[in-house]
């Protein structure tokens, strides 16, 4: 049954839930309030990514070294 095998293969690749996507949209909704409706896309994306990935620990010295061309 090649058709059933193909369908099951496709089904196995589908995510079990869309919770991550829903959380991302919820974050965007909180960030883009009426007061911030004039915010450009790049800034909104940056704020959303910072909020979504806020649990990642950052090494401030490494960030400074990468951002400062004199220290490279």
Foldseek 3Di string as FASTA:
>chain_A
DVVVVVVVVVVVPDDPDCVLVVVLVVLLDVVCDPVNVVPDPVVSVVVSVCVSPVVDDDDVVVVVCVVDPVND
